Amino acid sequence: MIKLNNITCLNSYNHVIFKNLNINFRLGKKYLIIGDNGCGKTTLLNIIYGLYRNYKGNILYSDSITKLVAYVPQCNYLFNETIKNNLIKSLDYYDSDYLHELLKIMKLYHYMKKLPDGLNTKVNNSTKSLSSGQIQKIKLIRGFLSNKRILMIDEALSNLNNDSLISILNFLRDNYDKTLIIVSHQTNLIINHLDPEIIDIKDIANS
């Protein structure tokens, strides 16, 4: 559980981005955060994850952030390592069967099988053989493998083709029982598949 109490966020010039946010994220629920560009959706996730501290108010966590939350940010960044190491980076443990299942759900399995070194193929942030959508899938898989009780996804669905996106949303609807907090512009698809609780930052901040 994460509870935000009267969160007012300021930018680097101490101008208010949003104010007096009160949100209670409950375990096992799905949430879609919406709002105009620049209203603070990504900043809100960064605040929750402890990456942005220029705010007032307090946040209550049911456990430490590192034990409770996995965060898939919008930046398309890969470590200068193998694909497999990118998939399991910083994980103390992962289920190899679950990894292969996720590769199939993400529609990456057959692509990886075609690579000469498979998951042991070396990549980095300037790798040309992977599309932006494939990089997003790698980041998403790492988030799922972490098995944290809360997963935050910030625009990490934006470069997926429709078939991949629907496959992932079906998985999230039918087989994912963790708390899910999503920032995305694919609002109609997400609402139709996941029926999430919608959090409009502007409406909450002005209520």
N, C-alpha and C. Protein backbone atom coordinates (compact mmCIF):
# COMPACT_ATOMS: atom_id res chain seq x y z
N MET A 1 0.84 -1.19 0.00
CA MET A 1 0.00 0.00 0.00
C MET A 1 0.88 1.25 0.00
N ILE A 2 0.45 2.26 -0.76
CA ILE A 2 1.11 3.56 -0.74
C ILE A 2 0.03 4.62 -0.58
N LYS A 3 0.23 5.50 0.38
CA LYS A 3 -0.75 6.56 0.63
C LYS A 3 -0.07 7.91 0.55
N LEU A 4 -0.58 8.77 -0.33
CA LEU A 4 -0.06 10.13 -0.49
C LEU A 4 -0.97 11.10 0.24
N ASN A 5 -0.37 11.90 1.11
CA ASN A 5 -1.13 12.85 1.91
C ASN A 5 -0.71 14.29 1.59
N ASN A 6 -1.63 15.03 0.97
CA ASN A 6 -1.43 16.47 0.72
C ASN A 6 -0.10 16.76 0.03
N ILE A 7 0.15 16.05 -1.06
CA ILE A 7 1.40 16.23 -1.78
C ILE A 7 1.31 17.45 -2.70
N THR A 8 2.18 18.41 -2.47
CA THR A 8 2.32 19.57 -3.35
C THR A 8 3.72 19.51 -3.95
N CYS A 9 3.77 19.52 -5.28
CA CYS A 9 5.03 19.35 -5.98
C CYS A 9 5.47 20.66 -6.62
N LEU A 10 6.75 20.95 -6.48
CA LEU A 10 7.33 22.17 -7.02
C LEU A 10 8.39 21.82 -8.06
N ASN A 11 8.52 22.69 -9.09
CA ASN A 11 9.59 22.47 -10.06
C ASN A 11 10.87 23.13 -9.57
N SER A 12 11.90 23.14 -10.43
CA SER A 12 13.20 23.66 -10.01
C SER A 12 13.17 25.16 -9.72
N TYR A 13 12.11 25.85 -10.19
CA TYR A 13 11.96 27.28 -9.91
C TYR A 13 10.99 27.52 -8.75
N ASN A 14 10.62 26.40 -8.07
CA ASN A 14 9.67 26.45 -6.97
C ASN A 14 8.28 26.91 -7.38
N HIS A 15 7.94 26.69 -8.67
CA HIS A 15 6.57 26.90 -9.14
C HIS A 15 5.79 25.61 -8.92
N VAL A 16 4.54 25.73 -8.57
CA VAL A 16 3.71 24.57 -8.26
C VAL A 16 3.38 23.80 -9.54
N ILE A 17 3.65 22.49 -9.53
CA ILE A 17 3.24 21.60 -10.62
C ILE A 17 1.84 21.05 -10.33
N PHE A 18 1.65 20.54 -9.14
CA PHE A 18 0.32 20.18 -8.65
C PHE A 18 0.32 20.34 -7.13
N LYS A 19 -0.86 20.41 -6.55
CA LYS A 19 -0.91 20.65 -5.11
C LYS A 19 -2.02 19.84 -4.45
N ASN A 20 -1.76 19.52 -3.20
CA ASN A 20 -2.73 18.86 -2.33
C ASN A 20 -3.27 17.55 -2.90
N LEU A 21 -2.36 16.72 -3.45
CA LEU A 21 -2.77 15.41 -3.95
C LEU A 21 -2.94 14.45 -2.78
N ASN A 22 -4.08 13.77 -2.76
CA ASN A 22 -4.34 12.72 -1.79
C ASN A 22 -4.77 11.47 -2.55
N ILE A 23 -3.91 10.47 -2.55
CA ILE A 23 -4.19 9.24 -3.29
C ILE A 23 -3.82 8.05 -2.43
N ASN A 24 -4.67 7.03 -2.46
CA ASN A 24 -4.40 5.79 -1.74
C ASN A 24 -4.31 4.66 -2.77
N PHE A 25 -3.09 4.16 -3.01
CA PHE A 25 -2.88 3.04 -3.93
C PHE A 25 -2.99 1.74 -3.13
N ARG A 26 -4.00 0.94 -3.43
CA ARG A 26 -4.25 -0.29 -2.68
C ARG A 26 -3.63 -1.49 -3.40
N LEU A 27 -3.21 -2.46 -2.63
CA LEU A 27 -2.56 -3.64 -3.19
C LEU A 27 -3.54 -4.44 -4.05
N GLY A 28 -3.04 -4.87 -5.20
CA GLY A 28 -3.83 -5.70 -6.10
C GLY A 28 -4.72 -4.94 -7.06
N LYS A 29 -4.73 -3.61 -7.00
CA LYS A 29 -5.58 -2.80 -7.86
C LYS A 29 -4.77 -2.27 -9.06
N LYS A 30 -5.50 -1.85 -10.08
CA LYS A 30 -4.88 -1.27 -11.28
C LYS A 30 -5.31 0.18 -11.41
N TYR A 31 -4.31 1.04 -11.73
CA TYR A 31 -4.56 2.48 -11.81
C TYR A 31 -3.99 3.03 -13.11
N LEU A 32 -4.72 3.96 -13.71
CA LEU A 32 -4.25 4.69 -14.88
C LEU A 32 -4.21 6.17 -14.52
N ILE A 33 -3.02 6.76 -14.59
CA ILE A 33 -2.86 8.17 -14.28
C ILE A 33 -2.93 8.98 -15.57
N ILE A 34 -3.84 9.93 -15.62
CA ILE A 34 -4.03 10.74 -16.82
C ILE A 34 -3.89 12.22 -16.46
N GLY A 35 -3.83 13.03 -17.52
CA GLY A 35 -3.72 14.48 -17.34
C GLY A 35 -3.01 15.09 -18.53
N ASP A 36 -3.11 16.39 -18.66
CA ASP A 36 -2.47 17.09 -19.77
C ASP A 36 -0.95 16.95 -19.70
N ASN A 37 -0.30 17.14 -20.85
CA ASN A 37 1.16 17.16 -20.87
C ASN A 37 1.68 18.24 -19.91
N GLY A 38 2.68 17.85 -19.11
CA GLY A 38 3.27 18.81 -18.19
C GLY A 38 2.55 18.94 -16.87
N CYS A 39 1.50 18.12 -16.64
CA CYS A 39 0.74 18.26 -15.39
C CYS A 39 1.42 17.56 -14.23
N GLY A 40 2.44 16.71 -14.52
CA GLY A 40 3.19 16.10 -13.43
C GLY A 40 3.01 14.60 -13.26
N LYS A 41 2.56 13.91 -14.33
CA LYS A 41 2.33 12.46 -14.20
C LYS A 41 3.63 11.71 -13.93
N THR A 42 4.66 11.97 -14.75
CA THR A 42 5.95 11.33 -14.53
C THR A 42 6.57 11.79 -13.21
N THR A 43 6.44 13.05 -12.90
CA THR A 43 6.97 13.57 -11.64
C THR A 43 6.34 12.87 -10.45
N LEU A 44 5.04 12.58 -10.54
CA LEU A 44 4.37 11.87 -9.46
C LEU A 44 4.99 10.48 -9.24
N LEU A 45 5.26 9.75 -10.32
CA LEU A 45 5.88 8.44 -10.19
C LEU A 45 7.29 8.57 -9.60
N ASN A 46 8.01 9.59 -10.04
CA ASN A 46 9.36 9.81 -9.50
C ASN A 46 9.33 10.15 -8.01
N ILE A 47 8.31 10.87 -7.58
CA ILE A 47 8.14 11.17 -6.16
C ILE A 47 7.89 9.88 -5.38
N ILE A 48 6.98 9.06 -5.89
CA ILE A 48 6.66 7.80 -5.21
C ILE A 48 7.90 6.93 -5.08
N TYR A 49 8.74 6.92 -6.12
CA TYR A 49 9.91 6.04 -6.14
C TYR A 49 11.13 6.66 -5.44
N GLY A 50 10.97 7.88 -4.98
CA GLY A 50 12.05 8.54 -4.24
C GLY A 50 13.08 9.22 -5.11
N LEU A 51 12.76 9.45 -6.39
CA LEU A 51 13.71 10.07 -7.31
C LEU A 51 13.55 11.59 -7.38
N TYR A 52 12.45 12.10 -6.86
CA TYR A 52 12.19 13.54 -6.90
C TYR A 52 11.73 13.97 -5.51
N ARG A 53 12.41 14.95 -4.95
CA ARG A 53 12.17 15.28 -3.55
C ARG A 53 11.72 16.72 -3.31
N ASN A 54 11.49 17.46 -4.39
CA ASN A 54 11.06 18.84 -4.22
C ASN A 54 9.53 18.89 -4.09
N TYR A 55 9.05 18.41 -2.95
CA TYR A 55 7.61 18.40 -2.70
C TYR A 55 7.35 18.57 -1.20
N LYS A 56 6.11 18.90 -0.91
CA LYS A 56 5.65 19.00 0.48
C LYS A 56 4.55 17.96 0.69
N GLY A 57 4.35 17.58 1.93
CA GLY A 57 3.41 16.52 2.23
C GLY A 57 4.15 15.27 2.64
N ASN A 58 3.43 14.18 2.82
CA ASN A 58 4.11 12.94 3.22
C ASN A 58 3.52 11.74 2.51
N ILE A 59 4.34 10.70 2.42
CA ILE A 59 3.96 9.46 1.75
C ILE A 59 4.17 8.31 2.72
N LEU A 60 3.16 7.47 2.85
CA LEU A 60 3.23 6.30 3.72
C LEU A 60 3.35 5.05 2.87
N TYR A 61 4.34 4.21 3.20
CA TYR A 61 4.56 2.96 2.49
C TYR A 61 4.34 1.80 3.46
N SER A 62 3.78 0.70 2.94
CA SER A 62 3.58 -0.47 3.80
C SER A 62 4.87 -1.28 3.95
N ASP A 63 5.91 -0.92 3.19
CA ASP A 63 7.22 -1.57 3.30
C ASP A 63 8.23 -0.61 2.69
N SER A 64 9.52 -0.97 2.69
CA SER A 64 10.52 -0.11 2.07
C SER A 64 10.27 -0.03 0.57
N ILE A 65 10.64 1.10 -0.05
CA ILE A 65 10.39 1.29 -1.47
C ILE A 65 11.03 0.20 -2.30
N THR A 66 12.27 -0.15 -1.99
CA THR A 66 12.99 -1.13 -2.80
C THR A 66 12.37 -2.51 -2.72
N LYS A 67 11.73 -2.84 -1.61
CA LYS A 67 11.05 -4.12 -1.49
C LYS A 67 9.66 -4.09 -2.11
N LEU A 68 9.06 -2.92 -2.15
CA LEU A 68 7.65 -2.78 -2.50
C LEU A 68 7.41 -2.48 -3.97
N VAL A 69 8.28 -1.63 -4.57
CA VAL A 69 7.98 -1.04 -5.88
C VAL A 69 9.04 -1.37 -6.92
N ALA A 70 8.57 -1.73 -8.13
CA ALA A 70 9.41 -1.79 -9.33
C ALA A 70 8.93 -0.68 -10.26
N TYR A 71 9.88 -0.03 -10.92
CA TYR A 71 9.56 1.14 -11.75
C TYR A 71 10.15 0.94 -13.14
N VAL A 72 9.28 1.03 -14.15
CA VAL A 72 9.72 0.97 -15.55
C VAL A 72 9.56 2.38 -16.13
N PRO A 73 10.66 3.15 -16.20
CA PRO A 73 10.57 4.54 -16.67
C PRO A 73 10.46 4.61 -18.19
N GLN A 74 10.20 5.81 -18.69
CA GLN A 74 9.97 5.96 -20.13
C GLN A 74 11.26 6.00 -20.94
N CYS A 75 12.40 6.26 -20.33
CA CYS A 75 13.64 6.35 -21.10
C CYS A 75 14.03 4.97 -21.63
N ASN A 76 14.45 4.92 -22.90
CA ASN A 76 14.86 3.66 -23.52
C ASN A 76 16.35 3.45 -23.31
N TYR A 77 16.69 2.90 -22.15
CA TYR A 77 18.09 2.72 -21.79
C TYR A 77 18.40 1.24 -21.61
N LEU A 78 19.52 0.79 -22.20
CA LEU A 78 20.01 -0.57 -22.00
C LEU A 78 21.41 -0.51 -21.39
N PHE A 79 21.71 -1.50 -20.56
CA PHE A 79 23.05 -1.61 -20.01
C PHE A 79 23.97 -2.26 -21.05
N ASN A 80 25.25 -1.94 -21.00
CA ASN A 80 26.23 -2.47 -21.94
C ASN A 80 26.59 -3.91 -21.55
N GLU A 81 25.60 -4.78 -21.69
CA GLU A 81 25.74 -6.18 -21.30
C GLU A 81 24.92 -7.04 -22.27
N THR A 82 24.73 -8.31 -21.94
CA THR A 82 23.92 -9.18 -22.78
C THR A 82 22.44 -8.85 -22.60
N ILE A 83 21.64 -9.31 -23.55
CA ILE A 83 20.19 -9.14 -23.42
C ILE A 83 19.70 -9.79 -22.13
N LYS A 84 20.20 -10.98 -21.84
CA LYS A 84 19.77 -11.68 -20.62
C LYS A 84 20.10 -10.88 -19.38
N ASN A 85 21.30 -10.33 -19.33
CA ASN A 85 21.67 -9.54 -18.15
C ASN A 85 20.81 -8.28 -18.03
N ASN A 86 20.40 -7.73 -19.16
CA ASN A 86 19.48 -6.60 -19.12
C ASN A 86 18.11 -7.02 -18.59
N LEU A 87 17.71 -8.24 -18.90
CA LEU A 87 16.42 -8.75 -18.45
C LEU A 87 16.40 -9.02 -16.94
N ILE A 88 17.53 -9.43 -16.39
CA ILE A 88 17.55 -9.86 -14.98
C ILE A 88 18.40 -8.95 -14.11
N LYS A 89 18.77 -7.78 -14.62
CA LYS A 89 19.64 -6.86 -13.89
C LYS A 89 19.09 -6.55 -12.50
N SER A 90 19.94 -6.69 -11.49
CA SER A 90 19.63 -6.33 -10.10
C SER A 90 18.63 -7.27 -9.44
N LEU A 91 18.28 -8.37 -10.08
CA LEU A 91 17.35 -9.32 -9.48
C LEU A 91 18.12 -10.36 -8.68
N ASP A 92 17.73 -10.57 -7.44
CA ASP A 92 18.37 -11.60 -6.62
C ASP A 92 17.98 -12.99 -7.10
N TYR A 93 16.78 -13.09 -7.65
CA TYR A 93 16.28 -14.38 -8.11
C TYR A 93 15.30 -14.13 -9.25
N TYR A 94 15.24 -15.05 -10.20
CA TYR A 94 14.21 -14.99 -11.23
C TYR A 94 13.84 -16.41 -11.63
N ASP A 95 12.61 -16.55 -12.10
CA ASP A 95 12.08 -17.85 -12.55
C ASP A 95 12.33 -17.96 -14.05
N SER A 96 13.20 -18.89 -14.46
CA SER A 96 13.56 -19.00 -15.88
C SER A 96 12.35 -19.40 -16.73
N ASP A 97 11.45 -20.21 -16.18
CA ASP A 97 10.25 -20.58 -16.95
C ASP A 97 9.36 -19.36 -17.16
N TYR A 98 9.25 -18.54 -16.11
CA TYR A 98 8.46 -17.31 -16.22
C TYR A 98 9.10 -16.35 -17.22
N LEU A 99 10.43 -16.29 -17.24
CA LEU A 99 11.12 -15.45 -18.22
C LEU A 99 10.75 -15.87 -19.64
N HIS A 100 10.79 -17.14 -19.94
CA HIS A 100 10.45 -17.60 -21.28
C HIS A 100 8.98 -17.36 -21.60
N GLU A 101 8.13 -17.49 -20.60
CA GLU A 101 6.71 -17.19 -20.81
C GLU A 101 6.53 -15.71 -21.16
N LEU A 102 7.24 -14.84 -20.44
CA LEU A 102 7.13 -13.40 -20.71
C LEU A 102 7.68 -13.05 -22.08
N LEU A 103 8.75 -13.70 -22.51
CA LEU A 103 9.28 -13.47 -23.85
C LEU A 103 8.23 -13.78 -24.91
N LYS A 104 7.45 -14.83 -24.68
CA LYS A 104 6.41 -15.19 -25.63
C LYS A 104 5.25 -14.20 -25.57
N ILE A 105 4.85 -13.80 -24.37
CA ILE A 105 3.78 -12.81 -24.22
C ILE A 105 4.17 -11.50 -24.89
N MET A 106 5.43 -11.11 -24.75
CA MET A 106 5.92 -9.86 -25.34
C MET A 106 6.22 -9.99 -26.83
N LYS A 107 6.08 -11.21 -27.34
CA LYS A 107 6.36 -11.50 -28.75
C LYS A 107 7.83 -11.20 -29.09
N LEU A 108 8.70 -11.60 -28.17
CA LEU A 108 10.14 -11.47 -28.35
C LEU A 108 10.82 -12.83 -28.51
N TYR A 109 10.12 -13.89 -28.16
CA TYR A 109 10.73 -15.21 -28.08
C TYR A 109 11.35 -15.65 -29.41
N HIS A 110 10.59 -15.56 -30.49
CA HIS A 110 11.09 -16.04 -31.78
C HIS A 110 12.21 -15.14 -32.31
N TYR A 111 12.12 -13.85 -32.00
CA TYR A 111 13.19 -12.93 -32.42
C TYR A 111 14.49 -13.31 -31.72
N MET A 112 14.42 -13.59 -30.42
CA MET A 112 15.62 -13.95 -29.67
C MET A 112 16.20 -15.27 -30.16
N LYS A 113 15.34 -16.19 -30.54
CA LYS A 113 15.81 -17.50 -31.03
C LYS A 113 16.60 -17.36 -32.33
N LYS A 114 16.28 -16.33 -33.11
CA LYS A 114 16.95 -16.13 -34.39
C LYS A 114 18.33 -15.49 -34.24
N LEU A 115 18.59 -14.84 -33.12
CA LEU A 115 19.89 -14.20 -32.91
C LEU A 115 20.96 -15.27 -32.74
N PRO A 116 22.13 -15.09 -33.34
CA PRO A 116 23.19 -16.11 -33.25
C PRO A 116 23.53 -16.51 -31.82
N ASP A 117 23.55 -15.53 -30.91
CA ASP A 117 23.87 -15.82 -29.52
C ASP A 117 22.64 -15.77 -28.61
N GLY A 118 21.46 -15.68 -29.20
CA GLY A 118 20.24 -15.68 -28.41
C GLY A 118 20.24 -14.61 -27.34
N LEU A 119 19.85 -15.00 -26.13
CA LEU A 119 19.80 -14.04 -25.02
C LEU A 119 21.19 -13.58 -24.58
N ASN A 120 22.21 -14.26 -25.05
CA ASN A 120 23.59 -13.87 -24.71
C ASN A 120 24.16 -12.85 -25.69
N THR A 121 23.33 -12.34 -26.58
CA THR A 121 23.74 -11.29 -27.52
C THR A 121 24.08 -10.02 -26.74
N LYS A 122 25.22 -9.43 -27.04
CA LYS A 122 25.65 -8.20 -26.35
C LYS A 122 24.91 -7.00 -26.95
N VAL A 123 24.42 -6.14 -26.08
CA VAL A 123 23.72 -4.92 -26.51
C VAL A 123 24.23 -3.75 -25.70
N ASN A 124 23.87 -2.56 -26.16
CA ASN A 124 24.12 -1.35 -25.38
C ASN A 124 23.10 -0.32 -25.79
N ASN A 125 23.24 0.88 -25.28
CA ASN A 125 22.21 1.91 -25.50
C ASN A 125 22.16 2.42 -26.94
N SER A 126 23.16 2.07 -27.76
CA SER A 126 23.15 2.50 -29.17
C SER A 126 22.98 1.32 -30.12
N THR A 127 22.55 0.16 -29.60
CA THR A 127 22.36 -1.03 -30.42
C THR A 127 21.33 -0.76 -31.51
N LYS A 128 21.69 -1.07 -32.74
CA LYS A 128 20.80 -0.80 -33.88
C LYS A 128 19.86 -1.97 -34.16
N SER A 129 20.20 -3.16 -33.66
CA SER A 129 19.41 -4.34 -33.99
C SER A 129 18.11 -4.42 -33.22
N LEU A 130 17.98 -3.64 -32.15
CA LEU A 130 16.75 -3.65 -31.36
C LEU A 130 15.96 -2.37 -31.60
N SER A 131 14.67 -2.52 -31.84
CA SER A 131 13.80 -1.36 -32.01
C SER A 131 13.48 -0.76 -30.65
N SER A 132 12.92 0.44 -30.66
CA SER A 132 12.54 1.07 -29.40
C SER A 132 11.46 0.25 -28.70
N GLY A 133 10.57 -0.38 -29.48
CA GLY A 133 9.56 -1.23 -28.88
C GLY A 133 10.15 -2.45 -28.22
N GLN A 134 11.17 -3.05 -28.84
CA GLN A 134 11.82 -4.22 -28.24
C GLN A 134 12.57 -3.85 -26.96
N ILE A 135 13.17 -2.67 -26.95
CA ILE A 135 13.84 -2.20 -25.73
C ILE A 135 12.82 -2.01 -24.61
N GLN A 136 11.66 -1.45 -24.94
CA GLN A 136 10.61 -1.29 -23.94
C GLN A 136 10.17 -2.65 -23.39
N LYS A 137 10.08 -3.65 -24.27
CA LYS A 137 9.67 -4.98 -23.82
C LYS A 137 10.68 -5.57 -22.85
N ILE A 138 11.96 -5.37 -23.11
CA ILE A 138 13.01 -5.87 -22.21
C ILE A 138 12.86 -5.22 -20.83
N LYS A 139 12.61 -3.92 -20.82
CA LYS A 139 12.43 -3.22 -19.54
C LYS A 139 11.19 -3.72 -18.81
N LEU A 140 10.10 -3.97 -19.56
CA LEU A 140 8.88 -4.46 -18.93
C LEU A 140 9.08 -5.84 -18.32
N ILE A 141 9.78 -6.71 -19.07
CA ILE A 141 10.03 -8.06 -18.55
C ILE A 141 10.82 -7.98 -17.25
N ARG A 142 11.84 -7.12 -17.19
CA ARG A 142 12.60 -6.97 -15.96
C ARG A 142 11.69 -6.54 -14.81
N GLY A 143 10.75 -5.65 -15.10
CA GLY A 143 9.80 -5.21 -14.08
C GLY A 143 8.92 -6.35 -13.59
N PHE A 144 8.43 -7.18 -14.51
CA PHE A 144 7.59 -8.31 -14.13
C PHE A 144 8.39 -9.35 -13.34
N LEU A 145 9.62 -9.61 -13.78
CA LEU A 145 10.45 -10.61 -13.11
C LEU A 145 10.81 -10.21 -11.68
N SER A 146 10.81 -8.92 -11.41
CA SER A 146 11.18 -8.45 -10.07
C SER A 146 10.19 -8.94 -9.01
N ASN A 147 8.95 -9.21 -9.45
CA ASN A 147 7.92 -9.76 -8.56
C ASN A 147 7.62 -8.85 -7.38
N LYS A 148 7.81 -7.54 -7.59
CA LYS A 148 7.45 -6.59 -6.53
C LYS A 148 5.93 -6.48 -6.43
N ARG A 149 5.45 -6.04 -5.29
CA ARG A 149 4.00 -5.96 -5.09
C ARG A 149 3.36 -4.81 -5.85
N ILE A 150 4.16 -3.83 -6.24
CA ILE A 150 3.66 -2.69 -7.02
C ILE A 150 4.56 -2.48 -8.22
N LEU A 151 3.96 -2.36 -9.40
CA LEU A 151 4.72 -2.08 -10.62
C LEU A 151 4.21 -0.77 -11.21
N MET A 152 5.14 0.19 -11.41
CA MET A 152 4.81 1.46 -12.04
C MET A 152 5.39 1.47 -13.45
N ILE A 153 4.55 1.82 -14.43
CA ILE A 153 4.96 1.84 -15.83
C ILE A 153 4.71 3.24 -16.38
N ASP A 154 5.78 3.92 -16.79
CA ASP A 154 5.66 5.29 -17.29
C ASP A 154 5.91 5.33 -18.79
N GLU A 155 4.85 5.35 -19.57
CA GLU A 155 4.93 5.47 -21.03
C GLU A 155 5.82 4.39 -21.66
N ALA A 156 5.96 3.25 -20.98
CA ALA A 156 6.80 2.16 -21.52
C ALA A 156 5.99 1.22 -22.41
N LEU A 157 4.79 1.66 -22.81
CA LEU A 157 3.98 0.93 -23.78
C LEU A 157 3.86 1.70 -25.09
N SER A 158 4.50 2.86 -25.15
CA SER A 158 4.23 3.81 -26.24
C SER A 158 4.74 3.37 -27.60
N ASN A 159 5.81 2.54 -27.64
CA ASN A 159 6.39 2.16 -28.92
C ASN A 159 6.07 0.72 -29.33
N LEU A 160 5.07 0.13 -28.69
CA LEU A 160 4.69 -1.24 -29.01
C LEU A 160 3.66 -1.26 -30.13
N ASN A 161 3.80 -2.25 -31.03
CA ASN A 161 2.76 -2.38 -32.05
C ASN A 161 1.48 -2.91 -31.41
N ASN A 162 0.39 -2.83 -32.14
CA ASN A 162 -0.90 -3.13 -31.56
C ASN A 162 -1.01 -4.58 -31.06
N ASP A 163 -0.48 -5.53 -31.83
CA ASP A 163 -0.55 -6.94 -31.42
C ASP A 163 0.18 -7.17 -30.11
N SER A 164 1.38 -6.60 -29.99
CA SER A 164 2.16 -6.76 -28.75
C SER A 164 1.46 -6.10 -27.58
N LEU A 165 0.92 -4.91 -27.81
CA LEU A 165 0.25 -4.18 -26.74
C LEU A 165 -0.96 -4.95 -26.23
N ILE A 166 -1.76 -5.48 -27.13
CA ILE A 166 -2.95 -6.23 -26.71
C ILE A 166 -2.54 -7.50 -25.97
N SER A 167 -1.49 -8.18 -26.44
CA SER A 167 -1.01 -9.38 -25.77
C SER A 167 -0.59 -9.06 -24.33
N ILE A 168 0.12 -7.95 -24.14
CA ILE A 168 0.56 -7.55 -22.80
C ILE A 168 -0.63 -7.16 -21.93
N LEU A 169 -1.58 -6.43 -22.49
CA LEU A 169 -2.74 -6.02 -21.71
C LEU A 169 -3.59 -7.22 -21.30
N ASN A 170 -3.71 -8.21 -22.19
CA ASN A 170 -4.43 -9.43 -21.83
C ASN A 170 -3.74 -10.16 -20.68
N PHE A 171 -2.41 -10.19 -20.71
CA PHE A 171 -1.65 -10.80 -19.63
C PHE A 171 -1.88 -10.05 -18.31
N LEU A 172 -1.84 -8.73 -18.37
CA LEU A 172 -2.04 -7.92 -17.17
C LEU A 172 -3.45 -8.10 -16.62
N ARG A 173 -4.41 -8.26 -17.49
CA ARG A 173 -5.80 -8.45 -17.06
C ARG A 173 -6.03 -9.83 -16.44
N ASP A 174 -5.47 -10.87 -17.07
CA ASP A 174 -5.82 -12.24 -16.70
C ASP A 174 -4.85 -12.90 -15.73
N ASN A 175 -3.59 -12.46 -15.71
CA ASN A 175 -2.57 -13.23 -14.98
C ASN A 175 -1.68 -12.39 -14.08
N TYR A 176 -2.01 -11.12 -13.90
CA TYR A 176 -1.13 -10.27 -13.08
C TYR A 176 -1.93 -9.74 -11.90
N ASP A 177 -1.55 -10.16 -10.69
CA ASP A 177 -2.35 -9.81 -9.51
C ASP A 177 -1.69 -8.76 -8.62
N LYS A 178 -0.60 -8.13 -9.12
CA LYS A 178 0.07 -7.09 -8.34
C LYS A 178 -0.60 -5.73 -8.61
N THR A 179 -0.27 -4.77 -7.76
CA THR A 179 -0.74 -3.41 -8.01
C THR A 179 -0.04 -2.85 -9.24
N LEU A 180 -0.80 -2.21 -10.10
CA LEU A 180 -0.27 -1.67 -11.35
C LEU A 180 -0.63 -0.19 -11.44
N ILE A 181 0.39 0.64 -11.63
CA ILE A 181 0.19 2.09 -11.79
C ILE A 181 0.78 2.47 -13.14
N ILE A 182 -0.08 2.92 -14.06
CA ILE A 182 0.35 3.16 -15.44
C ILE A 182 0.16 4.63 -15.82
N VAL A 183 1.17 5.19 -16.45
CA VAL A 183 1.04 6.45 -17.18
C VAL A 183 1.19 6.10 -18.65
N SER A 184 0.17 6.42 -19.45
CA SER A 184 0.21 6.07 -20.87
C SER A 184 -0.79 6.91 -21.64
N HIS A 185 -0.48 7.12 -22.93
CA HIS A 185 -1.42 7.81 -23.81
C HIS A 185 -2.37 6.84 -24.50
N GLN A 186 -2.15 5.52 -24.34
CA GLN A 186 -3.05 4.54 -24.94
C GLN A 186 -4.23 4.30 -23.99
N THR A 187 -4.91 5.39 -23.64
CA THR A 187 -5.91 5.31 -22.58
C THR A 187 -7.08 4.41 -22.94
N ASN A 188 -7.58 4.48 -24.17
CA ASN A 188 -8.77 3.70 -24.52
C ASN A 188 -8.50 2.21 -24.44
N LEU A 189 -7.37 1.75 -24.99
CA LEU A 189 -7.03 0.32 -24.94
C LEU A 189 -6.86 -0.14 -23.50
N ILE A 190 -6.18 0.65 -22.70
CA ILE A 190 -5.93 0.27 -21.31
C ILE A 190 -7.24 0.21 -20.53
N ILE A 191 -8.11 1.19 -20.73
CA ILE A 191 -9.40 1.20 -20.03
C ILE A 191 -10.25 0.01 -20.46
N ASN A 192 -10.28 -0.28 -21.76
CA ASN A 192 -11.10 -1.39 -22.26
C ASN A 192 -10.61 -2.74 -21.76
N HIS A 193 -9.29 -2.91 -21.64
CA HIS A 193 -8.74 -4.21 -21.25
C HIS A 193 -8.62 -4.38 -19.74
N LEU A 194 -8.24 -3.32 -19.03
CA LEU A 194 -7.91 -3.46 -17.61
C LEU A 194 -8.96 -2.89 -16.67
N ASP A 195 -9.84 -2.05 -17.19
CA ASP A 195 -10.84 -1.38 -16.35
C ASP A 195 -10.20 -0.80 -15.09
N PRO A 196 -9.17 0.03 -15.25
CA PRO A 196 -8.44 0.54 -14.08
C PRO A 196 -9.19 1.67 -13.39
N GLU A 197 -8.79 1.94 -12.16
CA GLU A 197 -9.25 3.17 -11.52
C GLU A 197 -8.48 4.32 -12.15
N ILE A 198 -9.19 5.34 -12.62
CA ILE A 198 -8.56 6.44 -13.33
C ILE A 198 -8.27 7.58 -12.35
N ILE A 199 -7.04 8.03 -12.38
CA ILE A 199 -6.61 9.13 -11.53
C ILE A 199 -6.23 10.30 -12.42
N ASP A 200 -7.07 11.31 -12.43
CA ASP A 200 -6.79 12.54 -13.18
C ASP A 200 -6.15 13.54 -12.22
N ILE A 201 -4.86 13.79 -12.43
CA ILE A 201 -4.12 14.64 -11.49
C ILE A 201 -4.78 16.01 -11.35
N LYS A 202 -5.23 16.56 -12.45
CA LYS A 202 -5.83 17.89 -12.40
C LYS A 202 -7.09 17.89 -11.54
N ASP A 203 -7.94 16.88 -11.74
CA ASP A 203 -9.19 16.82 -10.98
C ASP A 203 -8.93 16.63 -9.49
N ILE A 204 -7.97 15.74 -9.15
CA ILE A 204 -7.70 15.47 -7.74
C ILE A 204 -7.08 16.70 -7.08
N ALA A 205 -6.16 17.34 -7.81
CA ALA A 205 -5.46 18.51 -7.25
C ALA A 205 -6.42 19.67 -7.03
N ASN A 206 -7.49 19.73 -7.83
CA ASN A 206 -8.42 20.84 -7.72
C ASN A 206 -9.63 20.51 -6.87
N SER A 207 -9.68 19.28 -6.37
CA SER A 207 -10.88 18.88 -5.60
C SER A 207 -10.80 19.38 -4.15
